[in-house]
Amino acid sequence: MADFRPVPRRSALYVPGSNARALDKARTVDADVLIFDLEDAVHANAKDSARDAVMAALKQGGYRAERIVRVNPLSGKVGQADIKAAARSGCQAVLLPKVESAKDVRDAALRLAAAGAPENVQLWAMIETPLGVLRAQEIALSSPHLGALVMGTSDLVKDLRARHSEDRVAIMPSLGLCLLAARAAALPILDGVHLDLNDDSGFAATCRQGAEMGFDGRTLIHPKTIAVCNAAYGPSAADVEWSRKVIAAYDIASAKNEGVVVVDGKLVEQLHVESARNTVALADAIAARAAKAA
């Protein structure tokens, strides 16, 4: 079996492209991913200047996290200019808003290539409309250039004419469908933002909910939420300890050709060992990232 080599994406912080202070502060935050936002966080009259500011910031460098650029819709001239600039910016991926079909992804891949993007620059797709949710499977399987799905829950709630609630009952079917699509395509998937920055308990609850569902992490709108998010989506010390115990017991049993393994009264099968190895690998990747940033 191939080694599982995860990339931690517990927290993905949106960084407004028109906010010089935010662009600078992003060099010091502990987010796994930075999404330099040229779309929703930027006023219509500031699109060009925001693009220039983000490109300059990426050229200057100093960011410790994975770097993603969210462009405007490619149906307009602003979005087309965004993707041309992002292609050679040094970012790891371009985040496409409101993706609703496989064609959206494939067309964007062609634009990236035409703009001279390196082969390893990925596309990430935002799923934030009812049609996007219904076509999540075709989107997830659309292109080898697609690297992740990102939920846009705020727009989705609006389009559903639903209401925000702590249990998020209105969007649970959509979250589940998109999660299934991502896993079927072996893609990471990030949960959507929590809009109320004063609602600490609600934020923590929805982080726990997303992690329990299987999301890899979630998008954030303020640095103060990073620590809670990282804790929710990363393995706890107890998780890692248990996983190492399961792996050790299974390895001993396998050496003796024993097919049944019981750890602390719990039956352990191959699927549990695979999950344990994934947990340990993720914990090791998080520790390596922290050591590199220190």
C-alpha atoms as a PDB file:
ATOM      1  CA  MET A   1       0.000   0.000   0.000  1.00  0.00           C
ATOM      2  CA  ALA A   2       1.321   3.451  -0.926  1.00  0.00           C
ATOM      3  CA  ASP A   3       2.316   5.801   1.883  1.00  0.00           C
ATOM      4  CA  PHE A   4      -0.341   8.324   2.851  1.00  0.00           C
ATOM      5  CA  ARG A   5       1.255  11.754   2.592  1.00  0.00           C
ATOM      6  CA  PRO A   6      -1.325  14.301   3.645  1.00  0.00           C
ATOM      7  CA  VAL A   7      -1.152  18.050   3.193  1.00  0.00           C
ATOM      8  CA  PRO A   8      -2.663  19.728   6.280  1.00  0.00           C
ATOM      9  CA  ARG A   9      -5.554  21.959   5.265  1.00  0.00           C
ATOM     10  CA  ARG A  10      -7.291  22.388   8.605  1.00  0.00           C
ATOM     11  CA  SER A  11      -7.649  26.153   8.290  1.00  0.00           C
ATOM     12  CA  ALA A  12      -7.917  28.242   5.121  1.00  0.00           C
ATOM     13  CA  LEU A  13      -7.942  31.982   5.803  1.00  0.00           C
ATOM     14  CA  TYR A  14      -9.414  34.403   3.269  1.00  0.00           C
ATOM     15  CA  VAL A  15      -7.084  37.388   2.846  1.00  0.00           C
ATOM     16  CA  PRO A  16      -8.752  40.426   1.205  1.00  0.00           C
ATOM     17  CA  GLY A  17      -6.638  41.502  -1.745  1.00  0.00           C
ATOM     18  CA  SER A  18      -7.431  45.166  -1.190  1.00  0.00           C
ATOM     19  CA  ASN A  19      -6.316  45.169   2.473  1.00  0.00           C
ATOM     20  CA  ALA A  20      -2.583  45.907   2.695  1.00  0.00           C
ATOM     21  CA  ARG A  21      -2.478  45.225   6.441  1.00  0.00           C
ATOM     22  CA  ALA A  22      -4.125  41.830   5.993  1.00  0.00           C
ATOM     23  CA  LEU A  23      -1.708  40.902   3.201  1.00  0.00           C
ATOM     24  CA  ASP A  24       1.221  41.670   5.503  1.00  0.00           C
ATOM     25  CA  LYS A  25      -0.231  40.010   8.622  1.00  0.00           C
ATOM     26  CA  ALA A  26      -0.925  36.820   6.675  1.00  0.00           C
ATOM     27  CA  ARG A  27       2.830  36.144   6.723  1.00  0.00           C
ATOM     28  CA  THR A  28       2.663  35.513  10.472  1.00  0.00           C
ATOM     29  CA  VAL A  29      -0.575  33.563  10.980  1.00  0.00           C
ATOM     30  CA  ASP A  30      -0.772  29.831  11.712  1.00  0.00           C
ATOM     31  CA  ALA A  31      -3.268  28.946   8.984  1.00  0.00           C
ATOM     32  CA  ASP A  32      -2.492  25.958   6.781  1.00  0.00           C
ATOM     33  CA  VAL A  33      -3.852  27.732   3.701  1.00  0.00           C
ATOM     34  CA  LEU A  34      -4.107  31.377   2.653  1.00  0.00           C
ATOM     35  CA  ILE A  35      -6.747  32.304   0.075  1.00  0.00           C
ATOM     36  CA  PHE A  36      -5.865  35.682  -1.439  1.00  0.00           C
ATOM     37  CA  ASP A  37      -9.303  36.965  -2.334  1.00  0.00           C
ATOM     38  CA  LEU A  38      -9.904  39.050  -5.437  1.00  0.00           C
ATOM     39  CA  GLU A  39     -13.644  38.352  -5.500  1.00  0.00           C
ATOM     40  CA  ASP A  40     -16.153  38.860  -2.672  1.00  0.00           C
ATOM     41  CA  ALA A  41     -13.816  40.717  -0.310  1.00  0.00           C
ATOM     42  CA  VAL A  42     -12.923  43.381  -2.892  1.00  0.00           C
ATOM     43  CA  HIS A  43     -15.123  46.314  -3.935  1.00  0.00           C
ATOM     44  CA  ALA A  44     -15.973  46.491  -7.637  1.00  0.00           C
ATOM     45  CA  ASN A  45     -13.963  49.690  -8.012  1.00  0.00           C
ATOM     46  CA  ALA A  46     -10.846  48.167  -6.427  1.00  0.00           C
ATOM     47  CA  LYS A  47     -10.486  44.983  -8.464  1.00  0.00           C
ATOM     48  CA  ASP A  48      -7.462  46.063 -10.518  1.00  0.00           C
ATOM     49  CA  SER A  49      -5.556  47.540  -7.598  1.00  0.00           C
ATOM     50  CA  ALA A  50      -6.294  44.477  -5.445  1.00  0.00           C
ATOM     51  CA  ARG A  51      -4.942  42.190  -8.153  1.00  0.00           C
ATOM     52  CA  ASP A  52      -1.758  44.260  -8.390  1.00  0.00           C
ATOM     53  CA  ALA A  53      -1.375  44.219  -4.602  1.00  0.00           C
ATOM     54  CA  VAL A  54      -1.759  40.439  -4.345  1.00  0.00           C
ATOM     55  CA  MET A  55       0.669  39.785  -7.169  1.00  0.00           C
ATOM     56  CA  ALA A  56       3.223  42.093  -5.536  1.00  0.00           C
ATOM     57  CA  ALA A  57       2.745  40.415  -2.155  1.00  0.00           C
ATOM     58  CA  LEU A  58       3.206  36.939  -3.622  1.00  0.00           C
ATOM     59  CA  LYS A  59       6.319  38.078  -5.456  1.00  0.00           C
ATOM     60  CA  GLN A  60       7.731  39.487  -2.220  1.00  0.00           C
ATOM     61  CA  GLY A  61       7.036  36.144  -0.528  1.00  0.00           C
ATOM     62  CA  GLY A  62       7.492  35.277   3.131  1.00  0.00           C
ATOM     63  CA  TYR A  63       4.249  33.296   3.442  1.00  0.00           C
ATOM     64  CA  ARG A  64       4.458  30.031   5.358  1.00  0.00           C
ATOM     65  CA  ALA A  65       1.119  28.589   4.250  1.00  0.00           C
ATOM     66  CA  GLU A  66      -0.167  27.089   1.022  1.00  0.00           C
ATOM     67  CA  ARG A  67      -1.069  30.004  -1.253  1.00  0.00           C
ATOM     68  CA  ILE A  68      -4.328  30.099  -3.229  1.00  0.00           C
ATOM     69  CA  VAL A  69      -5.748  32.981  -5.310  1.00  0.00           C
ATOM     70  CA  ARG A  70      -9.525  33.297  -5.565  1.00  0.00           C
ATOM     71  CA  VAL A  71     -10.366  34.948  -8.874  1.00  0.00           C
ATOM     72  CA  ASN A  72     -13.516  36.638 -10.094  1.00  0.00           C
ATOM     73  CA  PRO A  73     -15.879  34.729 -12.428  1.00  0.00           C
ATOM     74  CA  LEU A  74     -14.123  33.915 -15.691  1.00  0.00           C
ATOM     75  CA  SER A  75     -17.179  34.998 -17.664  1.00  0.00           C
ATOM     76  CA  GLY A  76     -16.041  38.611 -17.175  1.00  0.00           C
ATOM     77  CA  LYS A  77     -12.936  40.578 -18.154  1.00  0.00           C
ATOM     78  CA  VAL A  78     -11.902  41.044 -14.522  1.00  0.00           C
ATOM     79  CA  GLY A  79     -11.828  37.315 -13.866  1.00  0.00           C
ATOM     80  CA  GLN A  80      -9.952  36.667 -17.088  1.00  0.00           C
ATOM     81  CA  ALA A  81      -7.328  39.217 -16.067  1.00  0.00           C
ATOM     82  CA  ASP A  82      -7.183  37.625 -12.605  1.00  0.00           C
ATOM     83  CA  ILE A  83      -6.406  34.135 -13.873  1.00  0.00           C
ATOM     84  CA  LYS A  84      -3.742  35.414 -16.265  1.00  0.00           C
ATOM     85  CA  ALA A  85      -2.010  37.173 -13.402  1.00  0.00           C
ATOM     86  CA  ALA A  86      -2.419  34.259 -10.976  1.00  0.00           C
ATOM     87  CA  ALA A  87      -0.984  31.783 -13.475  1.00  0.00           C
ATOM     88  CA  ARG A  88       2.548  33.149 -13.010  1.00  0.00           C
ATOM     89  CA  SER A  89       2.198  34.445  -9.443  1.00  0.00           C
ATOM     90  CA  GLY A  90       3.790  31.539  -7.611  1.00  0.00           C
ATOM     91  CA  CYS A  91       0.525  30.417  -6.032  1.00  0.00           C
ATOM     92  CA  GLN A  92      -0.203  26.707  -5.644  1.00  0.00           C
ATOM     93  CA  ALA A  93      -3.792  26.915  -6.900  1.00  0.00           C
ATOM     94  CA  VAL A  94      -6.467  29.173  -8.346  1.00  0.00           C
ATOM     95  CA  LEU A  95      -9.863  29.058  -6.631  1.00  0.00           C
ATOM     96  CA  LEU A  96     -12.789  29.346  -9.046  1.00  0.00           C
ATOM     97  CA  PRO A  97     -16.026  30.861  -7.704  1.00  0.00           C
ATOM     98  CA  LYS A  98     -19.508  29.455  -8.341  1.00  0.00           C
ATOM     99  CA  VAL A  99     -18.455  26.399 -10.336  1.00  0.00           C
ATOM    100  CA  GLU A 100     -21.525  24.704 -11.799  1.00  0.00           C
ATOM    101  CA  SER A 101     -20.198  22.231 -14.365  1.00  0.00           C
ATOM    102  CA  ALA A 102     -17.225  20.165 -15.441  1.00  0.00           C
ATOM    103  CA  LYS A 103     -16.890  22.550 -18.389  1.00  0.00           C
ATOM    104  CA  ASP A 104     -16.216  25.437 -15.999  1.00  0.00           C
ATOM    105  CA  VAL A 105     -13.180  23.590 -14.647  1.00  0.00           C
ATOM    106  CA  ARG A 106     -11.901  22.416 -18.018  1.00  0.00           C
ATOM    107  CA  ASP A 107     -12.210  25.900 -19.515  1.00  0.00           C
ATOM    108  CA  ALA A 108     -10.305  27.356 -16.579  1.00  0.00           C
ATOM    109  CA  ALA A 109      -7.573  24.736 -17.010  1.00  0.00           C
ATOM    110  CA  LEU A 110      -7.167  25.802 -20.631  1.00  0.00           C
ATOM    111  CA  ARG A 111      -6.937  29.460 -19.599  1.00  0.00           C
ATOM    112  CA  LEU A 112      -4.291  28.630 -16.991  1.00  0.00           C
ATOM    113  CA  ALA A 113      -2.206  26.720 -19.507  1.00  0.00           C
ATOM    114  CA  ALA A 114      -2.545  29.469 -22.101  1.00  0.00           C
ATOM    115  CA  ALA A 115      -1.340  32.001 -19.513  1.00  0.00           C
ATOM    116  CA  GLY A 116       1.827  29.972 -18.937  1.00  0.00           C
ATOM    117  CA  ALA A 117       1.025  28.453 -15.558  1.00  0.00           C
ATOM    118  CA  PRO A 118       3.414  25.734 -14.354  1.00  0.00           C
ATOM    119  CA  GLU A 119       2.007  22.227 -14.686  1.00  0.00           C
ATOM    120  CA  ASN A 120       1.707  21.808 -10.914  1.00  0.00           C
ATOM    121  CA  VAL A 121      -0.622  24.795 -10.407  1.00  0.00           C
ATOM    122  CA  GLN A 122      -4.008  23.377  -9.461  1.00  0.00           C
ATOM    123  CA  LEU A 123      -7.568  24.573  -9.755  1.00  0.00           C
ATOM    124  CA  TRP A 124      -9.850  24.520  -6.731  1.00  0.00           C
ATOM    125  CA  ALA A 125     -13.614  24.703  -7.252  1.00  0.00           C
ATOM    126  CA  MET A 126     -16.095  26.539  -5.050  1.00  0.00           C
ATOM    127  CA  ILE A 127     -19.450  24.811  -4.737  1.00  0.00           C
ATOM    128  CA  GLU A 128     -21.867  27.522  -3.642  1.00  0.00           C
ATOM    129  CA  THR A 129     -25.034  27.238  -5.734  1.00  0.00           C
ATOM    130  CA  PRO A 130     -27.810  24.628  -5.903  1.00  0.00           C
ATOM    131  CA  LEU A 131     -26.752  23.670  -9.429  1.00  0.00           C
ATOM    132  CA  GLY A 132     -23.157  23.308  -8.325  1.00  0.00           C
ATOM    133  CA  VAL A 133     -24.235  20.974  -5.525  1.00  0.00           C
ATOM    134  CA  LEU A 134     -26.351  18.867  -7.873  1.00  0.00           C
ATOM    135  CA  ARG A 135     -23.379  18.564 -10.250  1.00  0.00           C
ATOM    136  CA  ALA A 136     -20.758  18.060  -7.552  1.00  0.00           C
ATOM    137  CA  GLN A 137     -19.828  14.595  -8.797  1.00  0.00           C
ATOM    138  CA  GLU A 138     -19.191  15.690 -12.379  1.00  0.00           C
ATOM    139  CA  ILE A 139     -17.221  18.689 -11.122  1.00  0.00           C
ATOM    140  CA  ALA A 140     -15.090  16.574  -8.784  1.00  0.00           C
ATOM    141  CA  LEU A 141     -14.217  14.182 -11.620  1.00  0.00           C
ATOM    142  CA  SER A 142     -13.825  16.883 -14.266  1.00  0.00           C
ATOM    143  CA  SER A 143     -10.079  17.379 -14.615  1.00  0.00           C
ATOM    144  CA  PRO A 144      -6.703  16.126 -13.363  1.00  0.00           C
ATOM    145  CA  HIS A 145      -5.923  19.771 -12.627  1.00  0.00           C
ATOM    146  CA  LEU A 146      -8.652  19.930  -9.967  1.00  0.00           C
ATOM    147  CA  GLY A 147      -7.090  19.815  -6.509  1.00  0.00           C
ATOM    148  CA  ALA A 148      -9.914  20.484  -4.040  1.00  0.00           C
ATOM    149  CA  LEU A 149     -13.539  21.419  -3.476  1.00  0.00           C
ATOM    150  CA  VAL A 150     -14.462  24.387  -1.278  1.00  0.00           C
ATOM    151  CA  MET A 151     -17.946  24.947   0.092  1.00  0.00           C
ATOM    152  CA  GLY A 152     -19.428  28.423  -0.271  1.00  0.00           C
ATOM    153  CA  THR A 153     -22.109  28.038   2.377  1.00  0.00           C
ATOM    154  CA  SER A 154     -23.109  31.711   2.637  1.00  0.00           C
ATOM    155  CA  ASP A 155     -24.148  31.971  -1.010  1.00  0.00           C
ATOM    156  CA  LEU A 156     -25.716  28.530  -0.814  1.00  0.00           C
ATOM    157  CA  VAL A 157     -27.933  29.505   2.125  1.00  0.00           C
ATOM    158  CA  LYS A 158     -29.006  32.618   0.224  1.00  0.00           C
ATOM    159  CA  ASP A 159     -29.848  30.716  -2.953  1.00  0.00           C
ATOM    160  CA  LEU A 160     -31.758  28.074  -1.004  1.00  0.00           C
ATOM    161  CA  ARG A 161     -33.747  30.871   0.691  1.00  0.00           C
ATOM    162  CA  ALA A 162     -32.825  29.143   3.923  1.00  0.00           C
ATOM    163  CA  ARG A 163     -31.727  30.451   7.313  1.00  0.00           C
ATOM    164  CA  HIS A 164     -28.437  30.119   9.157  1.00  0.00           C
ATOM    165  CA  SER A 165     -28.653  27.941  12.259  1.00  0.00           C
ATOM    166  CA  GLU A 166     -26.115  26.357  14.595  1.00  0.00           C
ATOM    167  CA  ASP A 167     -27.041  22.833  13.495  1.00  0.00           C
ATOM    168  CA  ARG A 168     -26.916  23.924   9.818  1.00  0.00           C
ATOM    169  CA  VAL A 169     -29.825  21.658   9.054  1.00  0.00           C
ATOM    170  CA  ALA A 170     -30.697  23.579   5.871  1.00  0.00           C
ATOM    171  CA  ILE A 171     -27.405  22.776   4.168  1.00  0.00           C
ATOM    172  CA  MET A 172     -26.626  19.327   5.566  1.00  0.00           C
ATOM    173  CA  PRO A 173     -27.860  17.526   2.416  1.00  0.00           C
ATOM    174  CA  SER A 174     -25.643  19.783   0.278  1.00  0.00           C
ATOM    175  CA  LEU A 175     -22.614  19.293   2.524  1.00  0.00           C
ATOM    176  CA  GLY A 176     -23.109  15.538   2.418  1.00  0.00           C
ATOM    177  CA  LEU A 177     -23.441  15.373  -1.366  1.00  0.00           C
ATOM    178  CA  CYS A 178     -20.320  17.443  -1.927  1.00  0.00           C
ATOM    179  CA  LEU A 179     -18.364  15.425   0.627  1.00  0.00           C
ATOM    180  CA  LEU A 180     -19.340  12.208  -1.160  1.00  0.00           C
ATOM    181  CA  ALA A 181     -18.265  13.690  -4.502  1.00  0.00           C
ATOM    182  CA  ALA A 182     -14.905  14.794  -3.122  1.00  0.00           C
ATOM    183  CA  ARG A 183     -14.141  11.435  -1.559  1.00  0.00           C
ATOM    184  CA  ALA A 184     -15.226   9.563  -4.706  1.00  0.00           C
ATOM    185  CA  ALA A 185     -12.673  11.641  -6.623  1.00  0.00           C
ATOM    186  CA  ALA A 186     -10.017  11.371  -3.873  1.00  0.00           C
ATOM    187  CA  LEU A 187     -10.057  15.155  -3.382  1.00  0.00           C
ATOM    188  CA  PRO A 188      -9.772  17.216  -0.204  1.00  0.00           C
ATOM    189  CA  ILE A 189     -12.798  19.335   0.658  1.00  0.00           C
ATOM    190  CA  LEU A 190     -13.122  22.400   2.884  1.00  0.00           C
ATOM    191  CA  ASP A 191     -16.230  23.481   4.763  1.00  0.00           C
ATOM    192  CA  GLY A 192     -17.608  27.022   4.476  1.00  0.00           C
ATOM    193  CA  VAL A 193     -17.137  30.107   6.646  1.00  0.00           C
ATOM    194  CA  HIS A 194     -18.832  31.046   9.906  1.00  0.00           C
ATOM    195  CA  LEU A 195     -20.004  34.628   9.543  1.00  0.00           C
ATOM    196  CA  ASP A 196     -20.580  35.672  13.187  1.00  0.00           C
ATOM    197  CA  LEU A 197     -17.177  36.455  14.689  1.00  0.00           C
ATOM    198  CA  ASN A 198     -18.748  36.971  18.127  1.00  0.00           C
ATOM    199  CA  ASP A 199     -20.311  33.505  18.152  1.00  0.00           C
ATOM    200  CA  ASP A 200     -17.414  31.508  19.579  1.00  0.00           C
ATOM    201  CA  SER A 201     -19.529  28.572  20.739  1.00  0.00           C
ATOM    202  CA  GLY A 202     -21.381  28.305  17.432  1.00  0.00           C
ATOM    203  CA  PHE A 203     -18.123  28.419  15.507  1.00  0.00           C
ATOM    204  CA  ALA A 204     -16.570  25.695  17.641  1.00  0.00           C
ATOM    205  CA  ALA A 205     -19.697  23.551  17.312  1.00  0.00           C
ATOM    206  CA  THR A 206     -19.763  23.757  13.523  1.00  0.00           C
ATOM    207  CA  CYS A 207     -16.034  23.003  13.381  1.00  0.00           C
ATOM    208  CA  ARG A 208     -16.648  19.837  15.395  1.00  0.00           C
ATOM    209  CA  GLN A 209     -19.587  19.011  13.139  1.00  0.00           C
ATOM    210  CA  GLY A 210     -17.545  19.460   9.965  1.00  0.00           C
ATOM    211  CA  ALA A 211     -14.670  17.375  11.315  1.00  0.00           C
ATOM    212  CA  GLU A 212     -17.043  14.604  12.383  1.00  0.00           C
ATOM    213  CA  MET A 213     -18.584  14.587   8.902  1.00  0.00           C
ATOM    214  CA  GLY A 214     -15.159  14.116   7.344  1.00  0.00           C
ATOM    215  CA  PHE A 215     -14.204  17.548   6.008  1.00  0.00           C
ATOM    216  CA  ASP A 216     -10.466  18.218   5.864  1.00  0.00           C
ATOM    217  CA  GLY A 217     -10.823  21.745   7.219  1.00  0.00           C
ATOM    218  CA  ARG A 218     -12.765  24.938   6.696  1.00  0.00           C
ATOM    219  CA  THR A 219     -12.470  28.433   5.329  1.00  0.00           C
ATOM    220  CA  LEU A 220     -12.133  31.359   7.740  1.00  0.00           C
ATOM    221  CA  ILE A 221     -12.621  35.108   7.632  1.00  0.00           C
ATOM    222  CA  HIS A 222     -10.542  36.184  10.649  1.00  0.00           C
ATOM    223  CA  PRO A 223      -7.170  35.092  12.076  1.00  0.00           C
ATOM    224  CA  LYS A 224      -8.585  34.810  15.612  1.00  0.00           C
ATOM    225  CA  THR A 225     -10.500  31.685  14.577  1.00  0.00           C
ATOM    226  CA  ILE A 226      -7.464  29.752  13.329  1.00  0.00           C
ATOM    227  CA  ALA A 227      -6.468  28.061  16.591  1.00  0.00           C
ATOM    228  CA  VAL A 228      -9.925  26.633  17.286  1.00  0.00           C
ATOM    229  CA  CYS A 229     -10.218  25.460  13.692  1.00  0.00           C
ATOM    230  CA  ASN A 230      -6.805  23.788  13.721  1.00  0.00           C
ATOM    231  CA  ALA A 231      -7.644  21.971  16.942  1.00  0.00           C
ATOM    232  CA  ALA A 232     -10.988  20.720  15.613  1.00  0.00           C
ATOM    233  CA  TYR A 233      -9.700  19.393  12.296  1.00  0.00           C
ATOM    234  CA  GLY A 234      -6.355  18.084  13.483  1.00  0.00           C
ATOM    235  CA  PRO A 235      -5.903  14.807  15.397  1.00  0.00           C
ATOM    236  CA  SER A 236      -5.761  15.158  19.175  1.00  0.00           C
ATOM    237  CA  ALA A 237      -2.927  13.740  21.245  1.00  0.00           C
ATOM    238  CA  ALA A 238      -5.293  10.972  22.366  1.00  0.00           C
ATOM    239  CA  ASP A 239      -6.165  10.186  18.731  1.00  0.00           C
ATOM    240  CA  VAL A 240      -2.493   9.857  17.832  1.00  0.00           C
ATOM    241  CA  GLU A 241      -1.686   7.745  20.906  1.00  0.00           C
ATOM    242  CA  TRP A 242      -4.537   5.354  20.145  1.00  0.00           C
ATOM    243  CA  SER A 243      -3.574   5.148  16.480  1.00  0.00           C
ATOM    244  CA  ARG A 244       0.022   4.257  17.303  1.00  0.00           C
ATOM    245  CA  LYS A 245      -1.231   1.604  19.717  1.00  0.00           C
ATOM    246  CA  VAL A 246      -3.483   0.082  17.038  1.00  0.00           C
ATOM    247  CA  ILE A 247      -0.665   0.043  14.471  1.00  0.00           C
ATOM    248  CA  ALA A 248       1.779  -1.584  16.894  1.00  0.00           C
ATOM    249  CA  ALA A 249      -0.688  -4.273  17.962  1.00  0.00           C
ATOM    250  CA  TYR A 250      -1.619  -5.072  14.382  1.00  0.00           C
ATOM    251  CA  ASP A 251       2.019  -5.294  13.291  1.00  0.00           C
ATOM    252  CA  ILE A 252       2.771  -7.733  16.124  1.00  0.00           C
ATOM    253  CA  ALA A 253      -0.254  -9.850  15.255  1.00  0.00           C
ATOM    254  CA  SER A 254       0.615  -9.855  11.562  1.00  0.00           C
ATOM    255  CA  ALA A 255       4.149 -11.064  12.323  1.00  0.00           C
ATOM    256  CA  LYS A 256       2.568 -14.022  14.123  1.00  0.00           C
ATOM    257  CA  ASN A 257       0.105 -14.629  11.262  1.00  0.00           C
ATOM    258  CA  GLU A 258      -2.767 -13.885  13.615  1.00  0.00           C
ATOM    259  CA  GLY A 259      -5.877 -12.641  11.836  1.00  0.00           C
ATOM    260  CA  VAL A 260      -7.757 -11.260  14.843  1.00  0.00           C
ATOM    261  CA  VAL A 261      -6.457  -8.302  16.840  1.00  0.00           C
ATOM    262  CA  VAL A 262      -8.076  -6.935  19.990  1.00  0.00           C
ATOM    263  CA  VAL A 263      -6.859  -3.675  21.512  1.00  0.00           C
ATOM    264  CA  ASP A 264      -8.306  -2.674  24.898  1.00  0.00           C
ATOM    265  CA  GLY A 265     -11.288  -4.905  24.239  1.00  0.00           C
ATOM    266  CA  LYS A 266     -11.951  -3.503  20.763  1.00  0.00           C
ATOM    267  CA  LEU A 267     -11.701  -5.562  17.597  1.00  0.00           C
ATOM    268  CA  VAL A 268      -9.193  -4.078  15.146  1.00  0.00           C
ATOM    269  CA  GLU A 269      -9.392  -4.827  11.427  1.00  0.00           C
ATOM    270  CA  GLN A 270      -7.406  -3.638   8.414  1.00  0.00           C
ATOM    271  CA  LEU A 271      -9.697  -0.658   7.855  1.00  0.00           C
ATOM    272  CA  HIS A 272      -8.985   0.565  11.402  1.00  0.00           C
ATOM    273  CA  VAL A 273      -5.248   0.207  10.829  1.00  0.00           C
ATOM    274  CA  GLU A 274      -5.446   2.198   7.600  1.00  0.00           C
ATOM    275  CA  SER A 275      -7.340   4.959   9.400  1.00  0.00           C
ATOM    276  CA  ALA A 276      -4.771   4.891  12.210  1.00  0.00           C
ATOM    277  CA  ARG A 277      -1.890   5.223   9.766  1.00  0.00           C
ATOM    278  CA  ASN A 278      -3.628   8.193   8.129  1.00  0.00           C
ATOM    279  CA  THR A 279      -4.070   9.847  11.526  1.00  0.00           C
ATOM    280  CA  VAL A 280      -0.411   9.426  12.415  1.00  0.00           C
ATOM    281  CA  ALA A 281       0.687  10.647   8.990  1.00  0.00           C
ATOM    282  CA  LEU A 282      -1.430  13.785   9.330  1.00  0.00           C
ATOM    283  CA  ALA A 283      -0.096  14.440  12.832  1.00  0.00           C
ATOM    284  CA  ASP A 284       3.469  14.037  11.552  1.00  0.00           C
ATOM    285  CA  ALA A 285       2.790  16.426   8.648  1.00  0.00           C
ATOM    286  CA  ILE A 286       1.357  19.036  11.029  1.00  0.00           C
ATOM    287  CA  ALA A 287       4.364  18.700  13.324  1.00  0.00           C
ATOM    288  CA  ALA A 288       6.754  19.017  10.390  1.00  0.00           C
ATOM    289  CA  ARG A 289       5.009  22.172   9.201  1.00  0.00           C
ATOM    290  CA  ALA A 290       5.161  23.678  12.694  1.00  0.00           C
ATOM    291  CA  ALA A 291       8.868  22.880  13.001  1.00  0.00           C
ATOM    292  CA  LYS A 292       9.588  24.446   9.627  1.00  0.00           C
ATOM    293  CA  ALA A 293       7.715  27.616  10.579  1.00  0.00           C
ATOM    294  CA  ALA A 294       9.509  27.946  13.945  1.00  0.00           C
END
